[in-house]
Amino acid sequence: MIRIIVDGVVVTLLAVVLTLSVVTWMKAGSLEAQLATVQKGLRETNKKIAESEDHAKTADAGASHGALDAPHWGYEGEMNPANWGSAFPVCGTGQAQSPVDIRGPFEKSDQSIRLDYKPTPLKVLNNGHTIQATVGAGSTMTVNGTAFELLQFHFHRPSEEHVNGKPSAMVAHFVHRSAAGKLAVVGVLLKEGKDNPVVRSIWANAPQKEGPEVAVPGAEINPASMLPARLDYYSFEGSLTTPPCTEGVTFYILKSASDISLAQIDAFPFKANARPIQPLNGRRITAN
């Protein structure tokens, strides 16, 4: 539609210029005046054409800026993880990709982390790839004195990170961001065991299909209840585990797992949403 409008403007402007040129030609007293008039008209026409095309590009970009127009990706089919790199280059060429298989020997970590999570209103999103709980302001992680705000946590089945070659039943990724924009993820491995009360609340209100975020009136969850008693961790530099696979993300995978019941595992609407293990490419894994 934008292109048709631009073409119409161009045709109209050219017709006006030609008409003015003929009239001016008849009235001008010299060849130089005639040429100057035509050149001025052409310059004005080119300017209008450029302005119209810039407007069309802006309008087209605005119309395509949305999730429905973003490249499709998934965990099976044509755009499975092996093919993400065709639309998201870093997924295919990055040298510090996640997840990884966590194996020793480990270097000693020099990072001290502290998690301070607060109760938050229950907001749940099914984005077509996972179930996500959005967290309100006030929950933080502190790493060697630098504060990171907890933004959201979401789930993968089975766990994306492996330990000595073995995945857990699921994993919850807690995504944090510092004031400088640095991302840090705390991974809580989930093993089959007791019913998890936080998961119970999220599952009960999670849309079964992709759609807008759901804010549950009067309901709260406490992300801290998802954490195991001990916060010993493995750490490595990695990437987002979903497209666009941006690197520069620090991971802290807790050594102790939390419980999730078999019924809760089976009720998760995504039967498999874990990216395969990526090569370390010389990266070190530390542990505290």
Protein backbone atom coordinates (compact mmCIF):
# COMPACT_ATOMS: atom_id res chain seq x y z
CA MET A 1 0.00 0.00 0.00
CA ILE A 2 2.84 2.44 0.91
CA ARG A 3 4.57 1.71 -2.40
CA ILE A 4 1.41 2.51 -4.41
CA ILE A 5 1.09 5.86 -2.63
CA VAL A 6 4.75 6.73 -3.30
CA ASP A 7 4.41 5.85 -7.01
CA GLY A 8 1.31 8.01 -7.23
CA VAL A 9 3.14 10.95 -5.67
CA VAL A 10 6.06 10.53 -8.08
CA VAL A 11 3.81 10.47 -11.16
CA THR A 12 1.88 13.52 -10.00
CA LEU A 13 5.01 15.51 -9.25
CA LEU A 14 6.57 14.68 -12.60
CA ALA A 15 3.43 15.78 -14.40
CA VAL A 16 3.45 19.10 -12.53
CA VAL A 17 7.15 19.66 -13.30
CA LEU A 18 6.67 18.96 -16.99
CA THR A 19 3.70 21.30 -17.18
CA LEU A 20 5.59 24.07 -15.40
CA SER A 21 8.59 23.50 -17.60
CA VAL A 22 6.58 23.92 -20.79
CA VAL A 23 4.92 27.08 -19.53
CA THR A 24 8.24 28.50 -18.36
CA TRP A 25 9.86 27.58 -21.64
CA MET A 26 7.30 29.62 -23.50
CA LYS A 27 7.68 32.64 -21.19
CA ALA A 28 11.43 32.58 -20.51
CA GLY A 29 13.53 35.07 -22.40
CA SER A 30 16.63 32.94 -22.88
CA LEU A 31 17.84 29.35 -23.13
CA GLU A 32 19.75 29.72 -19.84
CA ALA A 33 16.58 30.74 -18.00
CA GLN A 34 14.70 27.83 -19.51
CA LEU A 35 17.35 25.33 -18.42
CA ALA A 36 17.61 26.82 -14.93
CA THR A 37 13.86 26.53 -14.46
CA VAL A 38 13.76 22.89 -15.55
CA GLN A 39 16.76 21.97 -13.34
CA LYS A 40 15.16 23.65 -10.33
CA GLY A 41 11.96 21.72 -10.93
CA LEU A 42 13.86 18.44 -11.20
CA ARG A 43 15.75 19.14 -7.97
CA GLU A 44 12.47 19.81 -6.15
CA THR A 45 10.93 16.66 -7.62
CA ASN A 46 13.90 14.51 -6.54
CA LYS A 47 13.65 15.97 -3.05
CA LYS A 48 9.95 15.10 -2.84
CA ILE A 49 10.62 11.58 -4.13
CA ALA A 50 13.34 11.04 -1.52
CA GLU A 51 11.10 12.35 1.25
CA SER A 52 8.26 10.07 0.14
CA GLU A 53 10.51 7.00 0.00
CA ASP A 54 11.95 7.76 3.45
CA HIS A 55 8.42 8.03 4.80
CA ALA A 56 7.50 4.73 3.17
CA LYS A 57 10.54 2.99 4.68
CA THR A 58 9.71 4.34 8.12
CA ALA A 59 6.09 3.25 7.86
CA ASP A 60 7.05 -0.21 6.59
CA ALA A 61 9.57 -0.64 9.43
CA GLY A 62 6.97 0.36 11.99
CA ALA A 63 4.44 -2.06 10.57
CA SER A 64 6.91 -4.97 10.71
CA HIS A 65 8.16 -4.24 14.23
CA GLY A 66 6.34 -6.98 16.14
CA ALA A 67 6.54 -10.57 17.33
CA LEU A 68 4.39 -11.83 14.46
CA ASP A 69 6.94 -10.52 11.92
CA ALA A 70 10.05 -11.75 13.75
CA PRO A 71 11.82 -14.81 12.30
CA HIS A 72 10.16 -17.99 13.49
CA TRP A 73 12.14 -20.45 15.58
CA GLY A 74 11.38 -23.47 17.71
CA TYR A 75 12.66 -26.72 19.12
CA GLU A 76 11.51 -28.97 16.29
CA GLY A 77 10.63 -28.69 12.62
CA GLU A 78 12.45 -26.62 10.02
CA MET A 79 13.65 -23.93 12.46
CA ASN A 80 14.91 -26.28 15.19
CA PRO A 81 18.04 -25.32 17.17
CA ALA A 82 20.40 -26.73 14.54
CA ASN A 83 19.04 -24.16 12.07
CA TRP A 84 18.72 -21.09 14.31
CA GLY A 85 21.92 -19.69 12.82
CA SER A 86 20.25 -19.17 9.44
CA ALA A 87 18.10 -16.37 10.89
CA PHE A 88 20.15 -15.51 13.97
CA PRO A 89 23.86 -15.60 12.99
CA VAL A 90 25.30 -15.57 16.53
CA CYS A 91 23.45 -18.82 17.28
CA GLY A 92 25.58 -20.48 14.60
CA THR A 93 28.89 -18.63 14.81
CA GLY A 94 29.17 -17.66 18.49
CA GLN A 95 32.08 -19.14 20.42
CA ALA A 96 30.60 -18.73 23.92
CA GLN A 97 27.16 -20.27 23.56
CA SER A 98 24.88 -21.81 26.19
CA PRO A 99 23.95 -24.27 27.58
CA VAL A 100 27.00 -26.36 28.44
CA ASP A 101 27.82 -29.68 30.05
CA ILE A 102 29.30 -28.92 33.46
CA ARG A 103 32.30 -31.15 34.13
CA GLY A 104 35.35 -30.89 36.34
CA PRO A 105 38.05 -30.17 37.16
CA PHE A 106 36.83 -26.72 38.19
CA GLU A 107 38.76 -23.57 38.91
CA LYS A 108 38.02 -21.84 42.20
CA SER A 109 35.52 -19.00 41.81
CA ASP A 110 36.44 -15.59 43.20
CA GLN A 111 32.85 -14.33 43.06
CA SER A 112 30.58 -13.96 46.06
CA ILE A 113 26.85 -13.95 45.26
CA ARG A 114 23.91 -13.01 47.45
CA LEU A 115 20.28 -13.47 46.46
CA ASP A 116 17.62 -11.23 47.97
CA TYR A 117 14.27 -12.11 46.43
CA LYS A 118 10.97 -10.55 47.57
CA PRO A 119 7.30 -11.53 47.15
CA THR A 120 5.93 -10.21 43.87
CA PRO A 121 2.50 -9.99 42.19
CA LEU A 122 1.85 -13.05 40.06
CA LYS A 123 2.23 -12.28 36.36
CA VAL A 124 2.50 -15.23 33.99
CA LEU A 125 3.36 -15.35 30.28
CA ASN A 126 3.20 -18.13 27.71
CA ASN A 127 5.40 -16.76 24.92
CA GLY A 128 5.12 -19.85 22.73
CA HIS A 129 8.48 -21.20 23.90
CA THR A 130 8.23 -21.38 27.70
CA ILE A 131 6.24 -20.31 30.75
CA GLN A 132 7.63 -17.14 32.32
CA ALA A 133 6.90 -15.37 35.60
CA THR A 134 7.58 -11.63 35.49
CA VAL A 135 9.02 -10.20 38.71
CA GLY A 136 8.31 -6.76 40.15
CA ALA A 137 10.98 -4.38 41.42
CA GLY A 138 12.85 -5.16 44.62
CA SER A 139 14.36 -8.62 44.05
CA THR A 140 18.11 -8.55 43.51
CA MET A 141 21.29 -10.54 43.18
CA THR A 142 24.58 -9.02 44.33
CA VAL A 143 27.86 -10.25 42.82
CA ASN A 144 31.03 -8.90 44.49
CA GLY A 145 29.15 -5.74 45.41
CA THR A 146 27.43 -5.19 42.02
CA ALA A 147 23.63 -5.31 42.13
CA PHE A 148 21.56 -7.10 39.50
CA GLU A 149 17.77 -6.77 39.41
CA LEU A 150 15.70 -9.92 38.94
CA LEU A 151 13.51 -9.42 35.86
CA GLN A 152 11.83 -12.78 35.34
CA PHE A 153 12.28 -16.52 35.61
CA HIS A 154 11.22 -19.21 33.16
CA PHE A 155 11.42 -22.96 32.68
CA HIS A 156 13.02 -25.53 30.37
CA ARG A 157 12.24 -29.24 30.09
CA PRO A 158 14.55 -31.09 30.49
CA SER A 159 17.21 -28.89 32.07
CA GLU A 160 19.35 -27.17 29.47
CA GLU A 161 22.51 -27.44 31.56
CA HIS A 162 23.89 -30.92 32.15
CA VAL A 163 26.12 -31.97 35.04
CA ASN A 164 28.58 -34.72 34.12
CA GLY A 165 26.56 -35.43 31.01
CA LYS A 166 23.19 -35.75 32.73
CA PRO A 167 20.23 -33.34 32.61
CA SER A 168 17.75 -32.76 35.41
CA ALA A 169 14.01 -33.09 34.92
CA MET A 170 13.70 -29.30 34.42
CA VAL A 171 15.51 -26.05 35.17
CA ALA A 172 14.33 -22.60 36.18
CA HIS A 173 16.40 -19.73 34.80
CA PHE A 174 16.32 -16.53 36.89
CA VAL A 175 17.31 -13.63 34.62
CA HIS A 176 18.96 -10.54 36.16
CA ARG A 177 20.27 -7.28 34.74
CA SER A 178 22.69 -4.74 36.24
CA ALA A 179 22.39 -0.97 35.90
CA ALA A 180 25.09 -1.19 33.22
CA GLY A 181 23.00 -3.69 31.21
CA LYS A 182 25.02 -6.81 32.05
CA LEU A 183 22.92 -10.00 32.20
CA ALA A 184 23.36 -12.74 34.79
CA VAL A 185 21.33 -15.96 35.04
CA VAL A 186 20.90 -18.14 38.11
CA GLY A 187 19.92 -21.67 37.17
CA VAL A 188 17.94 -23.78 39.65
CA LEU A 189 17.93 -27.42 38.61
CA LEU A 190 14.60 -29.14 39.32
CA LYS A 191 14.52 -32.83 40.22
CA GLU A 192 11.51 -35.08 40.49
CA GLY A 193 10.30 -35.08 44.07
CA LYS A 194 7.79 -33.14 46.15
CA ASP A 195 5.17 -30.76 44.85
CA ASN A 196 6.61 -27.26 44.36
CA PRO A 197 4.26 -24.56 45.74
CA VAL A 198 5.60 -21.74 43.52
CA VAL A 199 5.29 -23.90 40.44
CA ARG A 200 1.80 -24.88 41.53
CA SER A 201 0.70 -21.22 41.57
CA ILE A 202 2.33 -20.46 38.22
CA TRP A 203 0.98 -23.55 36.46
CA ALA A 204 -2.54 -22.93 37.77
CA ASN A 205 -2.61 -19.53 36.07
CA ALA A 206 -0.41 -20.11 33.03
CA PRO A 207 -2.12 -19.93 29.61
CA GLN A 208 -1.88 -23.22 27.76
CA LYS A 209 -1.31 -21.39 24.48
CA GLU A 210 0.80 -18.40 23.45
CA GLY A 211 -0.79 -15.10 24.37
CA PRO A 212 -0.59 -11.90 26.41
CA GLU A 213 0.78 -11.84 29.93
CA VAL A 214 -1.77 -12.69 32.62
CA ALA A 215 -1.79 -10.64 35.84
CA VAL A 216 -3.57 -12.60 38.56
CA PRO A 217 -5.51 -10.23 40.87
CA GLY A 218 -4.53 -10.51 44.53
CA ALA A 219 -2.03 -13.34 43.94
CA GLU A 220 1.64 -13.27 44.94
CA ILE A 221 4.61 -15.60 44.64
CA ASN A 222 7.99 -15.50 46.34
CA PRO A 223 10.84 -16.46 43.98
CA ALA A 224 13.01 -17.20 47.03
CA SER A 225 10.84 -20.26 47.69
CA MET A 226 12.23 -21.78 44.48
CA LEU A 227 15.80 -21.75 45.81
CA PRO A 228 17.50 -24.71 47.50
CA ALA A 229 18.88 -24.30 51.02
CA ARG A 230 22.49 -24.07 49.81
CA LEU A 231 23.61 -21.61 47.11
CA ASP A 232 26.90 -23.24 46.08
CA TYR A 233 27.26 -22.86 42.32
CA TYR A 234 29.09 -23.54 39.08
CA SER A 235 29.77 -20.48 36.92
CA PHE A 236 30.70 -19.81 33.30
CA GLU A 237 30.39 -17.15 30.61
CA GLY A 238 27.76 -17.94 28.02
CA SER A 239 24.83 -16.65 26.00
CA LEU A 240 21.09 -16.48 25.89
CA THR A 241 19.90 -20.03 25.25
CA THR A 242 17.24 -18.80 22.81
CA PRO A 243 17.55 -16.62 19.70
CA PRO A 244 19.24 -14.22 19.14
CA CYS A 245 21.73 -16.15 21.36
CA THR A 246 23.44 -12.93 22.53
CA GLU A 247 26.72 -13.61 24.32
CA GLY A 248 28.16 -11.91 27.40
CA VAL A 249 25.78 -13.58 29.88
CA THR A 250 27.20 -14.93 33.14
CA PHE A 251 25.60 -18.14 34.44
CA TYR A 252 25.48 -19.38 38.02
CA ILE A 253 24.07 -22.90 38.11
CA LEU A 254 23.29 -23.93 41.68
CA LYS A 255 24.77 -27.28 42.69
CA SER A 256 21.77 -28.27 44.81
CA ALA A 257 18.47 -28.98 43.10
CA SER A 258 14.94 -28.06 44.15
CA ASP A 259 11.94 -30.37 43.99
CA ILE A 260 9.18 -30.51 41.41
CA SER A 261 6.57 -33.26 41.32
CA LEU A 262 6.09 -35.65 38.43
CA ALA A 263 2.55 -34.32 37.97
CA GLN A 264 3.94 -30.80 37.67
CA ILE A 265 6.52 -31.92 35.14
CA ASP A 266 3.81 -33.58 33.07
CA ALA A 267 1.59 -30.49 33.32
CA PHE A 268 4.23 -28.20 31.78
CA PRO A 269 2.77 -27.36 28.35
CA PHE A 270 6.10 -27.77 26.53
CA LYS A 271 7.27 -31.36 26.30
CA ALA A 272 10.78 -30.41 25.15
CA ASN A 273 12.11 -26.84 25.07
CA ALA A 274 15.83 -27.23 25.80
CA ARG A 275 18.60 -26.16 23.46
CA PRO A 276 21.24 -28.87 22.96
CA ILE A 277 24.60 -28.64 24.72
CA GLN A 278 27.08 -26.23 23.10
CA PRO A 279 30.88 -26.60 22.93
CA LEU A 280 32.98 -24.87 25.57
CA ASN A 281 35.59 -23.68 23.05
CA GLY A 282 38.20 -23.25 25.76
CA ARG A 283 35.95 -21.54 28.32
CA ARG A 284 36.62 -22.33 31.96
CA ILE A 285 33.96 -23.38 34.46
CA THR A 286 34.48 -22.20 38.01
CA ALA A 287 32.92 -23.40 41.26
CA ASN A 288 32.77 -22.03 44.80
